[in-house]
Structures are given as C-alpha cells and as structure tokens.
C-alpha cells in the first residue's frame, strides 16, 4: 500500500478543494480545507466525510484515523448551516450531487461529525486552530486529541441564545469532572489548549509546526497494536460505559473472549515468544 495516496471517498476522482482524504502508512488522514470559512462543513464535506468514515470502518488496511483542518484559525466551525439547514428542512431544492446525496441519505448529516455513528476504530483529532461550537463537539466524539499551542476550545452557543446540539451537553460531563464541564457549558467561555490539557480533554499540546507529526506519531503507536484488539476496546467501552461496574464487567467479557480466539491473538503470543515484531492480519 502506498505511503500517501487517495483515501476513502476519493476513488472516482472527486475534487479535493473542500476536503482532503489521504492514507499514510495505514493511517487515514482527513483535512477539512475551507480555512477562510473556519473549515465549516458544507454538504460536500458532510457527504464525503460521512462516506469516508463508513469505508474506514470496513477497510482492514486502515486501523487509525486523524481529522484536522487547514489554516490556523479554526479546526472546524461545525456545519455550514446557510445551505445545509434549508436543504434538510425542505426549504431548498438540491442543486448538485452532494446536496442530493445529503437529502437522500440524511444520516450523513450527523455521521460526518460522529454524532451517533458507532465507529469501533480509533480516531485522533489534531486541532490546528480553535475548536469552538461544532468543532469542539467533533473533537469530543474522537478518542485521542492533540492541539496546537494557543488554540481555544469551548461551546459558545449560550452567548448566542442557543444550546450545543452536537452532543456537547451529553459528552462533556462524561469526559471531565461534572463541575468543570458545567463551568464550560454554563459560562460559554472558551479555554486555551493548555487549560484543556489540564482538564483531561487533550492528550498533548504541541508547537503548531509539529502538530501533524505529533498526531501521526500517536496514530502509528496505536496502529502498531492488533486491529481487532483496538476495535474490541472501543466497542467494549461503548457498550458498557453507562452500566454499573459489575454489569459492565459481565457484559464486556464476551466481547473480550472473541479476541482471545483470533489469529492475531495467536500471532501476538508467538511474536512475544520469538522476540519479534508481530505481523497482524486483522483476523
């Protein structure tokens, strides 16, 4: 497999002006590419990214993904509602293939930002710029996060008479202490990346110039492990996270047992005994 090349959703020669989808040594790298519009997601971005996530879920040769943005102003400003909202409300007619696809498959409108799409492969967000509103909620839906120094994170919707609608109210208190989450939600004040790191929302804050390298290094460290093991960890967490601990332990055991009988489990044991690097098959 080539080190860099077209990724999911690009095989038919689609233009790359609004979103770039690449593969780098088994890592899917998605870059939202509308820096002047704070990387807000248009119908084209929604459809192509939603399709990319679905293909990523099926591809055995891709085990980790990174989502980032172009420029240094914003990671993502959420959905560009000027066009998508009238389309989804039936107040406007679709004018191109992306808008037709968005209206035809309405799950795409939420799948692109992983709102409720159950993706059992690890996703890393690399925050090149501010993650506010929908961009913050997209980050919350990812598993690991690296941010450029100085970027801001937050949910400013209450300052505009709105409520975070992309999962922020539900996810944030599950990821950091309740009082800290409510301070962010109720004040609607953004915090710098350095403070977000202290709160546990980020895994690392790095100089802007090394952001993608840091995200790729993290992705490769994750991808060095057995794909089935990674997927089982995410699925177990997703299916047991809301259960009492004893129920969670019992519910998770069958999921873990599935991995013990895989070819990769045998390969891992053999590689350990033979003091060599394992060769994973995903089986």
C-alpha atoms as a PDB file:
ATOM      1  CA  UNK A   1       0.000   0.000   0.000  1.00  0.00           C
ATOM      2  CA  UNK A   2       1.434   3.422  -0.910  1.00  0.00           C
ATOM      3  CA  UNK A   3       2.523   5.702   1.897  1.00  0.00           C
ATOM      4  CA  UNK A   4       0.358   8.577   0.675  1.00  0.00           C
ATOM      5  CA  UNK A   5      -2.480   8.413  -1.786  1.00  0.00           C
ATOM      6  CA  UNK A   6      -6.206   8.742  -2.357  1.00  0.00           C
ATOM      7  CA  UNK A   7      -8.260   7.636   0.594  1.00  0.00           C
ATOM      8  CA  UNK A   8     -11.843   6.525   1.139  1.00  0.00           C
ATOM      9  CA  UNK A   9     -14.312   8.567  -0.854  1.00  0.00           C
ATOM     10  CA  UNK A  10     -11.759   9.669  -3.478  1.00  0.00           C
ATOM     11  CA  UNK A  11     -11.501   6.738  -5.829  1.00  0.00           C
ATOM     12  CA  UNK A  12     -13.625   8.338  -8.554  1.00  0.00           C
ATOM     13  CA  UNK A  13     -11.536  11.455  -8.974  1.00  0.00           C
ATOM     14  CA  UNK A  14     -13.516  13.814  -6.731  1.00  0.00           C
ATOM     15  CA  UNK A  15     -12.093  17.316  -6.321  1.00  0.00           C
ATOM     16  CA  UNK A  16     -10.057  17.969  -3.213  1.00  0.00           C
ATOM     17  CA  UNK A  17     -10.748  21.663  -2.718  1.00  0.00           C
ATOM     18  CA  UNK A  18     -13.048  21.380   0.327  1.00  0.00           C
ATOM     19  CA  UNK A  19     -11.668  18.231   1.945  1.00  0.00           C
ATOM     20  CA  UNK A  20      -8.509  16.184   1.539  1.00  0.00           C
ATOM     21  CA  UNK A  21      -8.603  12.466   2.311  1.00  0.00           C
ATOM     22  CA  UNK A  22      -5.262  10.648   2.284  1.00  0.00           C
ATOM     23  CA  UNK A  23      -3.671   7.441   3.512  1.00  0.00           C
ATOM     24  CA  UNK A  24      -0.300   7.422   5.235  1.00  0.00           C
ATOM     25  CA  UNK A  25       1.073   4.003   6.118  1.00  0.00           C
ATOM     26  CA  UNK A  26      -2.228   2.576   7.305  1.00  0.00           C
ATOM     27  CA  UNK A  27      -3.468   5.845   8.832  1.00  0.00           C
ATOM     28  CA  UNK A  28      -6.390   7.717   7.293  1.00  0.00           C
ATOM     29  CA  UNK A  29      -5.761  11.486   7.361  1.00  0.00           C
ATOM     30  CA  UNK A  30      -8.742  13.774   6.759  1.00  0.00           C
ATOM     31  CA  UNK A  31      -8.191  17.521   6.372  1.00  0.00           C
ATOM     32  CA  UNK A  32     -11.096  19.952   6.247  1.00  0.00           C
ATOM     33  CA  UNK A  33      -9.961  22.515   3.712  1.00  0.00           C
ATOM     34  CA  UNK A  34     -12.021  25.707   3.965  1.00  0.00           C
ATOM     35  CA  UNK A  35      -9.697  27.847   6.095  1.00  0.00           C
ATOM     36  CA  UNK A  36     -11.335  31.160   5.135  1.00  0.00           C
ATOM     37  CA  UNK A  37     -14.700  29.795   6.334  1.00  0.00           C
ATOM     38  CA  UNK A  38     -13.196  28.328   9.514  1.00  0.00           C
ATOM     39  CA  UNK A  39     -13.437  24.847   7.954  1.00  0.00           C
ATOM     40  CA  UNK A  40     -17.223  24.784   8.340  1.00  0.00           C
ATOM     41  CA  UNK A  41     -18.710  21.636   6.832  1.00  0.00           C
ATOM     42  CA  UNK A  42     -20.641  22.114   3.595  1.00  0.00           C
ATOM     43  CA  UNK A  43     -22.912  19.421   2.107  1.00  0.00           C
ATOM     44  CA  UNK A  44     -19.908  18.209   0.101  1.00  0.00           C
ATOM     45  CA  UNK A  45     -17.762  17.832   3.223  1.00  0.00           C
ATOM     46  CA  UNK A  46     -20.590  16.148   5.125  1.00  0.00           C
ATOM     47  CA  UNK A  47     -21.208  13.605   2.388  1.00  0.00           C
ATOM     48  CA  UNK A  48     -17.592  12.842   1.597  1.00  0.00           C
ATOM     49  CA  UNK A  49     -16.531  12.605   5.230  1.00  0.00           C
ATOM     50  CA  UNK A  50     -19.567  10.505   6.159  1.00  0.00           C
ATOM     51  CA  UNK A  51     -18.750   8.121   3.338  1.00  0.00           C
ATOM     52  CA  UNK A  52     -15.081   8.088   4.332  1.00  0.00           C
ATOM     53  CA  UNK A  53     -15.938   7.039   7.902  1.00  0.00           C
ATOM     54  CA  UNK A  54     -18.103   4.211   6.602  1.00  0.00           C
ATOM     55  CA  UNK A  55     -15.394   2.953   4.279  1.00  0.00           C
ATOM     56  CA  UNK A  56     -12.765   3.368   7.007  1.00  0.00           C
ATOM     57  CA  UNK A  57     -14.869   1.092   9.228  1.00  0.00           C
ATOM     58  CA  UNK A  58     -14.722  -1.661   6.582  1.00  0.00           C
ATOM     59  CA  UNK A  59     -11.087  -1.363   5.480  1.00  0.00           C
ATOM     60  CA  UNK A  60      -8.740  -3.884   7.114  1.00  0.00           C
ATOM     61  CA  UNK A  61      -5.663  -1.970   5.968  1.00  0.00           C
ATOM     62  CA  UNK A  62      -6.671   1.204   7.830  1.00  0.00           C
ATOM     63  CA  UNK A  63      -6.701   0.955  11.606  1.00  0.00           C
ATOM     64  CA  UNK A  64      -6.494   4.581  12.825  1.00  0.00           C
ATOM     65  CA  UNK A  65      -7.759   7.921  11.501  1.00  0.00           C
ATOM     66  CA  UNK A  66      -6.783  11.557  12.032  1.00  0.00           C
ATOM     67  CA  UNK A  67      -9.097  14.503  11.411  1.00  0.00           C
ATOM     68  CA  UNK A  68      -7.641  18.010  11.215  1.00  0.00           C
ATOM     69  CA  UNK A  69      -8.196  21.313   9.447  1.00  0.00           C
ATOM     70  CA  UNK A  70      -6.384  23.715   7.157  1.00  0.00           C
ATOM     71  CA  UNK A  71      -5.017  27.052   8.265  1.00  0.00           C
ATOM     72  CA  UNK A  72      -4.534  28.248  11.817  1.00  0.00           C
ATOM     73  CA  UNK A  73      -7.841  29.992  12.602  1.00  0.00           C
ATOM     74  CA  UNK A  74     -10.130  27.046  13.241  1.00  0.00           C
ATOM     75  CA  UNK A  75     -10.180  23.289  13.447  1.00  0.00           C
ATOM     76  CA  UNK A  76     -13.835  23.216  12.407  1.00  0.00           C
ATOM     77  CA  UNK A  77     -16.720  25.606  12.953  1.00  0.00           C
ATOM     78  CA  UNK A  78     -19.281  22.814  12.713  1.00  0.00           C
ATOM     79  CA  UNK A  79     -21.810  22.547   9.919  1.00  0.00           C
ATOM     80  CA  UNK A  80     -22.206  25.396   7.442  1.00  0.00           C
ATOM     81  CA  UNK A  81     -25.924  25.873   8.097  1.00  0.00           C
ATOM     82  CA  UNK A  82     -26.516  28.503   5.435  1.00  0.00           C
ATOM     83  CA  UNK A  83     -27.047  25.782   2.840  1.00  0.00           C
ATOM     84  CA  UNK A  84     -27.445  22.514   4.733  1.00  0.00           C
ATOM     85  CA  UNK A  85     -30.228  23.671   7.052  1.00  0.00           C
ATOM     86  CA  UNK A  86     -32.631  24.792   4.275  1.00  0.00           C
ATOM     87  CA  UNK A  87     -31.907  21.554   2.406  1.00  0.00           C
ATOM     88  CA  UNK A  88     -32.608  19.326   5.390  1.00  0.00           C
ATOM     89  CA  UNK A  89     -35.713  21.348   6.296  1.00  0.00           C
ATOM     90  CA  UNK A  90     -37.087  21.000   2.774  1.00  0.00           C
ATOM     91  CA  UNK A  91     -36.962  24.763   2.211  1.00  0.00           C
ATOM     92  CA  UNK A  92     -34.462  24.473  -0.662  1.00  0.00           C
ATOM     93  CA  UNK A  93     -34.011  22.105  -3.573  1.00  0.00           C
ATOM     94  CA  UNK A  94     -30.663  20.297  -4.040  1.00  0.00           C
ATOM     95  CA  UNK A  95     -28.526  21.781  -6.794  1.00  0.00           C
ATOM     96  CA  UNK A  96     -25.599  19.340  -7.070  1.00  0.00           C
ATOM     97  CA  UNK A  97     -24.627  15.740  -6.344  1.00  0.00           C
ATOM     98  CA  UNK A  98     -23.544  16.496  -2.764  1.00  0.00           C
ATOM     99  CA  UNK A  99     -26.780  18.226  -1.883  1.00  0.00           C
ATOM    100  CA  UNK A 100     -28.803  15.435  -3.483  1.00  0.00           C
ATOM    101  CA  UNK A 101     -26.833  12.848  -1.514  1.00  0.00           C
ATOM    102  CA  UNK A 102     -27.358  14.784   1.720  1.00  0.00           C
ATOM    103  CA  UNK A 103     -31.115  14.919   1.210  1.00  0.00           C
ATOM    104  CA  UNK A 104     -31.299  11.276   0.114  1.00  0.00           C
ATOM    105  CA  UNK A 105     -29.219   9.870   2.990  1.00  0.00           C
ATOM    106  CA  UNK A 106     -29.992  12.052   5.989  1.00  0.00           C
ATOM    107  CA  UNK A 107     -27.738  10.027   8.282  1.00  0.00           C
ATOM    108  CA  UNK A 108     -24.820  11.728   6.545  1.00  0.00           C
ATOM    109  CA  UNK A 109     -25.875  14.984   8.234  1.00  0.00           C
ATOM    110  CA  UNK A 110     -24.762  13.525  11.580  1.00  0.00           C
ATOM    111  CA  UNK A 111     -22.410  10.705  10.566  1.00  0.00           C
ATOM    112  CA  UNK A 112     -19.759  13.131   9.316  1.00  0.00           C
ATOM    113  CA  UNK A 113     -19.244  14.521  12.844  1.00  0.00           C
ATOM    114  CA  UNK A 114     -19.582  11.106  14.534  1.00  0.00           C
ATOM    115  CA  UNK A 115     -22.669  12.342  16.396  1.00  0.00           C
ATOM    116  CA  UNK A 116     -24.191   8.896  16.823  1.00  0.00           C
ATOM    117  CA  UNK A 117     -22.235   6.801  14.330  1.00  0.00           C
ATOM    118  CA  UNK A 118     -20.715   3.800  16.114  1.00  0.00           C
ATOM    119  CA  UNK A 119     -17.161   3.676  14.797  1.00  0.00           C
ATOM    120  CA  UNK A 120     -15.104   0.986  16.520  1.00  0.00           C
ATOM    121  CA  UNK A 121     -11.757   2.182  15.179  1.00  0.00           C
ATOM    122  CA  UNK A 122      -9.675   4.880  16.928  1.00  0.00           C
ATOM    123  CA  UNK A 123      -9.948   8.458  15.671  1.00  0.00           C
ATOM    124  CA  UNK A 124      -7.494  11.222  16.594  1.00  0.00           C
ATOM    125  CA  UNK A 125      -8.318  14.912  16.279  1.00  0.00           C
ATOM    126  CA  UNK A 126      -5.443  17.288  15.521  1.00  0.00           C
ATOM    127  CA  UNK A 127      -6.590  20.781  16.453  1.00  0.00           C
ATOM    128  CA  UNK A 128      -4.803  23.178  14.133  1.00  0.00           C
ATOM    129  CA  UNK A 129      -6.977  26.105  15.235  1.00  0.00           C
ATOM    130  CA  UNK A 130      -9.825  26.982  17.570  1.00  0.00           C
ATOM    131  CA  UNK A 131     -12.326  24.211  18.322  1.00  0.00           C
ATOM    132  CA  UNK A 132     -15.499  26.097  19.183  1.00  0.00           C
ATOM    133  CA  UNK A 133     -19.110  25.004  18.928  1.00  0.00           C
ATOM    134  CA  UNK A 134     -19.492  22.180  16.445  1.00  0.00           C
ATOM    135  CA  UNK A 135     -15.739  21.786  16.143  1.00  0.00           C
ATOM    136  CA  UNK A 136     -15.475  21.213  19.882  1.00  0.00           C
ATOM    137  CA  UNK A 137     -18.255  18.626  19.650  1.00  0.00           C
ATOM    138  CA  UNK A 138     -16.496  16.865  16.774  1.00  0.00           C
ATOM    139  CA  UNK A 139     -13.375  16.725  18.968  1.00  0.00           C
ATOM    140  CA  UNK A 140     -15.405  15.258  21.840  1.00  0.00           C
ATOM    141  CA  UNK A 141     -16.521  12.447  19.520  1.00  0.00           C
ATOM    142  CA  UNK A 142     -12.909  11.461  18.792  1.00  0.00           C
ATOM    143  CA  UNK A 143     -10.806   9.223  21.012  1.00  0.00           C
ATOM    144  CA  UNK A 144      -7.435  10.984  21.265  1.00  0.00           C
ATOM    145  CA  UNK A 145      -6.675  14.674  20.813  1.00  0.00           C
ATOM    146  CA  UNK A 146      -3.577  16.732  20.034  1.00  0.00           C
ATOM    147  CA  UNK A 147      -3.762  20.520  19.841  1.00  0.00           C
ATOM    148  CA  UNK A 148      -1.514  23.299  18.631  1.00  0.00           C
ATOM    149  CA  UNK A 149      -0.364  25.601  21.423  1.00  0.00           C
ATOM    150  CA  UNK A 150      -2.587  28.622  21.917  1.00  0.00           C
ATOM    151  CA  UNK A 151      -5.776  27.370  20.275  1.00  0.00           C
ATOM    152  CA  UNK A 152      -9.056  27.842  22.159  1.00  0.00           C
ATOM    153  CA  UNK A 153     -11.759  25.296  22.929  1.00  0.00           C
ATOM    154  CA  UNK A 154     -15.325  25.817  24.039  1.00  0.00           C
ATOM    155  CA  UNK A 155     -19.059  25.866  23.467  1.00  0.00           C
ATOM    156  CA  UNK A 156     -20.173  29.498  22.903  1.00  0.00           C
ATOM    157  CA  UNK A 157     -23.769  28.680  21.932  1.00  0.00           C
ATOM    158  CA  UNK A 158     -25.422  30.127  25.108  1.00  0.00           C
ATOM    159  CA  UNK A 159     -23.848  33.508  24.290  1.00  0.00           C
ATOM    160  CA  UNK A 160     -25.940  33.425  21.093  1.00  0.00           C
ATOM    161  CA  UNK A 161     -29.149  32.227  22.692  1.00  0.00           C
ATOM    162  CA  UNK A 162     -28.570  28.643  21.591  1.00  0.00           C
ATOM    163  CA  UNK A 163     -27.742  25.262  23.120  1.00  0.00           C
ATOM    164  CA  UNK A 164     -24.911  22.964  21.940  1.00  0.00           C
ATOM    165  CA  UNK A 165     -26.704  20.488  19.697  1.00  0.00           C
ATOM    166  CA  UNK A 166     -23.945  18.178  18.527  1.00  0.00           C
ATOM    167  CA  UNK A 167     -23.509  16.078  21.638  1.00  0.00           C
ATOM    168  CA  UNK A 168     -21.503  18.532  23.740  1.00  0.00           C
ATOM    169  CA  UNK A 169     -24.005  18.679  26.604  1.00  0.00           C
ATOM    170  CA  UNK A 170     -24.082  14.883  26.803  1.00  0.00           C
ATOM    171  CA  UNK A 171     -20.429  14.055  26.157  1.00  0.00           C
ATOM    172  CA  UNK A 172     -18.543  16.738  28.063  1.00  0.00           C
ATOM    173  CA  UNK A 173     -19.681  15.723  31.600  1.00  0.00           C
ATOM    174  CA  UNK A 174     -18.754  12.123  30.779  1.00  0.00           C
ATOM    175  CA  UNK A 175     -15.190  13.092  29.904  1.00  0.00           C
ATOM    176  CA  UNK A 176     -14.185  15.536  32.642  1.00  0.00           C
ATOM    177  CA  UNK A 177     -15.458  16.230  36.200  1.00  0.00           C
ATOM    178  CA  UNK A 178     -19.056  17.455  36.252  1.00  0.00           C
ATOM    179  CA  UNK A 179     -18.313  20.820  37.885  1.00  0.00           C
ATOM    180  CA  UNK A 180     -15.611  21.601  35.307  1.00  0.00           C
ATOM    181  CA  UNK A 181     -17.893  20.520  32.461  1.00  0.00           C
ATOM    182  CA  UNK A 182     -20.731  22.693  33.725  1.00  0.00           C
ATOM    183  CA  UNK A 183     -18.410  25.676  34.050  1.00  0.00           C
ATOM    184  CA  UNK A 184     -17.548  25.358  30.366  1.00  0.00           C
ATOM    185  CA  UNK A 185     -21.183  24.767  29.390  1.00  0.00           C
ATOM    186  CA  UNK A 186     -22.817  27.469  31.532  1.00  0.00           C
ATOM    187  CA  UNK A 187     -20.273  30.279  31.178  1.00  0.00           C
ATOM    188  CA  UNK A 188     -19.792  29.507  27.474  1.00  0.00           C
ATOM    189  CA  UNK A 189     -16.259  30.880  27.890  1.00  0.00           C
ATOM    190  CA  UNK A 190     -13.512  29.328  25.760  1.00  0.00           C
ATOM    191  CA  UNK A 191     -10.374  27.955  27.382  1.00  0.00           C
ATOM    192  CA  UNK A 192      -6.858  27.761  25.939  1.00  0.00           C
ATOM    193  CA  UNK A 193      -5.495  24.384  24.888  1.00  0.00           C
ATOM    194  CA  UNK A 194      -3.147  24.388  27.848  1.00  0.00           C
ATOM    195  CA  UNK A 195      -6.106  24.550  30.252  1.00  0.00           C
ATOM    196  CA  UNK A 196      -7.967  21.883  28.271  1.00  0.00           C
ATOM    197  CA  UNK A 197      -4.918  19.648  28.707  1.00  0.00           C
ATOM    198  CA  UNK A 198      -5.064  20.156  32.475  1.00  0.00           C
ATOM    199  CA  UNK A 199      -8.759  19.244  32.451  1.00  0.00           C
ATOM    200  CA  UNK A 200      -8.028  15.998  30.610  1.00  0.00           C
ATOM    201  CA  UNK A 201      -9.710  16.950  27.337  1.00  0.00           C
ATOM    202  CA  UNK A 202      -6.448  16.702  25.383  1.00  0.00           C
ATOM    203  CA  UNK A 203      -3.611  14.199  25.225  1.00  0.00           C
ATOM    204  CA  UNK A 204      -0.959  16.717  24.213  1.00  0.00           C
ATOM    205  CA  UNK A 205      -0.336  20.350  23.302  1.00  0.00           C
ATOM    206  CA  UNK A 206       2.488  20.846  20.816  1.00  0.00           C
ATOM    207  CA  UNK A 207       4.016  23.658  18.754  1.00  0.00           C
ATOM    208  CA  UNK A 208       1.852  24.396  15.716  1.00  0.00           C
ATOM    209  CA  UNK A 209       4.586  23.405  13.276  1.00  0.00           C
ATOM    210  CA  UNK A 210       4.771  19.874  14.711  1.00  0.00           C
ATOM    211  CA  UNK A 211       1.026  19.249  15.117  1.00  0.00           C
ATOM    212  CA  UNK A 212       0.503  16.760  12.303  1.00  0.00           C
ATOM    213  CA  UNK A 213       3.772  14.973  13.048  1.00  0.00           C
ATOM    214  CA  UNK A 214       2.677  14.569  16.667  1.00  0.00           C
ATOM    215  CA  UNK A 215      -0.724  13.248  15.604  1.00  0.00           C
ATOM    216  CA  UNK A 216       0.853  10.831  13.136  1.00  0.00           C
ATOM    217  CA  UNK A 217       3.313   9.603  15.763  1.00  0.00           C
ATOM    218  CA  UNK A 218       0.419   8.929  18.137  1.00  0.00           C
ATOM    219  CA  UNK A 219      -1.545   7.228  15.353  1.00  0.00           C
ATOM    220  CA  UNK A 220       1.373   4.946  14.478  1.00  0.00           C
ATOM    221  CA  UNK A 221       1.833   3.958  18.114  1.00  0.00           C
ATOM    222  CA  UNK A 222      -1.826   2.970  18.222  1.00  0.00           C
ATOM    223  CA  UNK A 223      -1.699   1.267  14.824  1.00  0.00           C
ATOM    224  CA  UNK A 224       1.230  -0.912  15.957  1.00  0.00           C
ATOM    225  CA  UNK A 225      -1.260  -2.919  18.012  1.00  0.00           C
ATOM    226  CA  UNK A 226      -3.643  -5.630  16.830  1.00  0.00           C
ATOM    227  CA  UNK A 227      -6.617  -4.112  14.946  1.00  0.00           C
ATOM    228  CA  UNK A 228      -9.141  -6.497  16.482  1.00  0.00           C
ATOM    229  CA  UNK A 229      -7.884  -5.601  19.955  1.00  0.00           C
ATOM    230  CA  UNK A 230      -8.313  -1.886  19.291  1.00  0.00           C
ATOM    231  CA  UNK A 231     -11.821  -2.387  17.966  1.00  0.00           C
ATOM    232  CA  UNK A 232     -12.771  -4.610  20.904  1.00  0.00           C
ATOM    233  CA  UNK A 233     -11.584  -1.970  23.372  1.00  0.00           C
ATOM    234  CA  UNK A 234     -13.677   0.748  21.734  1.00  0.00           C
ATOM    235  CA  UNK A 235     -16.729  -1.486  21.376  1.00  0.00           C
ATOM    236  CA  UNK A 236     -16.494  -2.680  24.980  1.00  0.00           C
ATOM    237  CA  UNK A 237     -16.264   0.881  26.237  1.00  0.00           C
ATOM    238  CA  UNK A 238     -19.183   1.994  24.069  1.00  0.00           C
ATOM    239  CA  UNK A 239     -21.448  -0.869  25.114  1.00  0.00           C
ATOM    240  CA  UNK A 240     -20.629  -0.857  28.832  1.00  0.00           C
ATOM    241  CA  UNK A 241     -19.866   2.794  29.637  1.00  0.00           C
ATOM    242  CA  UNK A 242     -23.301   3.543  31.096  1.00  0.00           C
ATOM    243  CA  UNK A 243     -23.610   0.295  33.088  1.00  0.00           C
ATOM    244  CA  UNK A 244     -22.859  -0.268  36.777  1.00  0.00           C
ATOM    245  CA  UNK A 245     -19.389  -1.754  37.166  1.00  0.00           C
ATOM    246  CA  UNK A 246     -20.458  -5.355  37.827  1.00  0.00           C
ATOM    247  CA  UNK A 247     -22.861  -5.317  34.886  1.00  0.00           C
ATOM    248  CA  UNK A 248     -20.142  -3.745  32.736  1.00  0.00           C
ATOM    249  CA  UNK A 249     -17.671  -6.485  33.651  1.00  0.00           C
ATOM    250  CA  UNK A 250     -20.159  -9.209  32.772  1.00  0.00           C
ATOM    251  CA  UNK A 251     -21.297  -7.548  29.541  1.00  0.00           C
ATOM    252  CA  UNK A 252     -17.732  -6.952  28.393  1.00  0.00           C
ATOM    253  CA  UNK A 253     -16.452 -10.482  28.885  1.00  0.00           C
ATOM    254  CA  UNK A 254     -17.971 -11.996  25.705  1.00  0.00           C
ATOM    255  CA  UNK A 255     -16.505  -9.146  23.643  1.00  0.00           C
ATOM    256  CA  UNK A 256     -13.050  -9.788  25.072  1.00  0.00           C
ATOM    257  CA  UNK A 257     -13.373 -13.552  24.633  1.00  0.00           C
ATOM    258  CA  UNK A 258     -13.948 -13.051  20.916  1.00  0.00           C
ATOM    259  CA  UNK A 259     -10.466 -11.553  20.622  1.00  0.00           C
ATOM    260  CA  UNK A 260      -8.736 -14.363  22.528  1.00  0.00           C
ATOM    261  CA  UNK A 261      -9.627 -16.840  19.791  1.00  0.00           C
ATOM    262  CA  UNK A 262      -8.438 -14.760  16.838  1.00  0.00           C
ATOM    263  CA  UNK A 263      -5.483 -15.423  14.563  1.00  0.00           C
ATOM    264  CA  UNK A 264      -3.914 -12.146  15.715  1.00  0.00           C
ATOM    265  CA  UNK A 265      -4.057 -13.269  19.341  1.00  0.00           C
ATOM    266  CA  UNK A 266      -2.062 -16.369  18.408  1.00  0.00           C
ATOM    267  CA  UNK A 267       0.333 -14.223  16.366  1.00  0.00           C
ATOM    268  CA  UNK A 268       0.854 -11.860  19.273  1.00  0.00           C
ATOM    269  CA  UNK A 269       1.783 -14.689  21.603  1.00  0.00           C
ATOM    270  CA  UNK A 270       4.097 -16.245  19.023  1.00  0.00           C
ATOM    271  CA  UNK A 271       5.824 -12.938  18.286  1.00  0.00           C
ATOM    272  CA  UNK A 272       6.358 -12.328  22.011  1.00  0.00           C
ATOM    273  CA  UNK A 273       7.882 -15.771  22.488  1.00  0.00           C
ATOM    274  CA  UNK A 274      10.095 -15.381  19.412  1.00  0.00           C
ATOM    275  CA  UNK A 275      11.113 -11.813  20.314  1.00  0.00           C
ATOM    276  CA  UNK A 276       9.969 -10.354  17.003  1.00  0.00           C
ATOM    277  CA  UNK A 277       7.526  -7.729  15.786  1.00  0.00           C
ATOM    278  CA  UNK A 278       4.065  -9.225  15.217  1.00  0.00           C
ATOM    279  CA  UNK A 279       2.514  -9.208  11.765  1.00  0.00           C
ATOM    280  CA  UNK A 280      -1.192  -8.518  12.176  1.00  0.00           C
ATOM    281  CA  UNK A 281      -3.780  -9.861   9.738  1.00  0.00           C
ATOM    282  CA  UNK A 282      -6.875  -8.363  11.317  1.00  0.00           C
ATOM    283  CA  UNK A 283      -8.311 -11.854  11.703  1.00  0.00           C
END
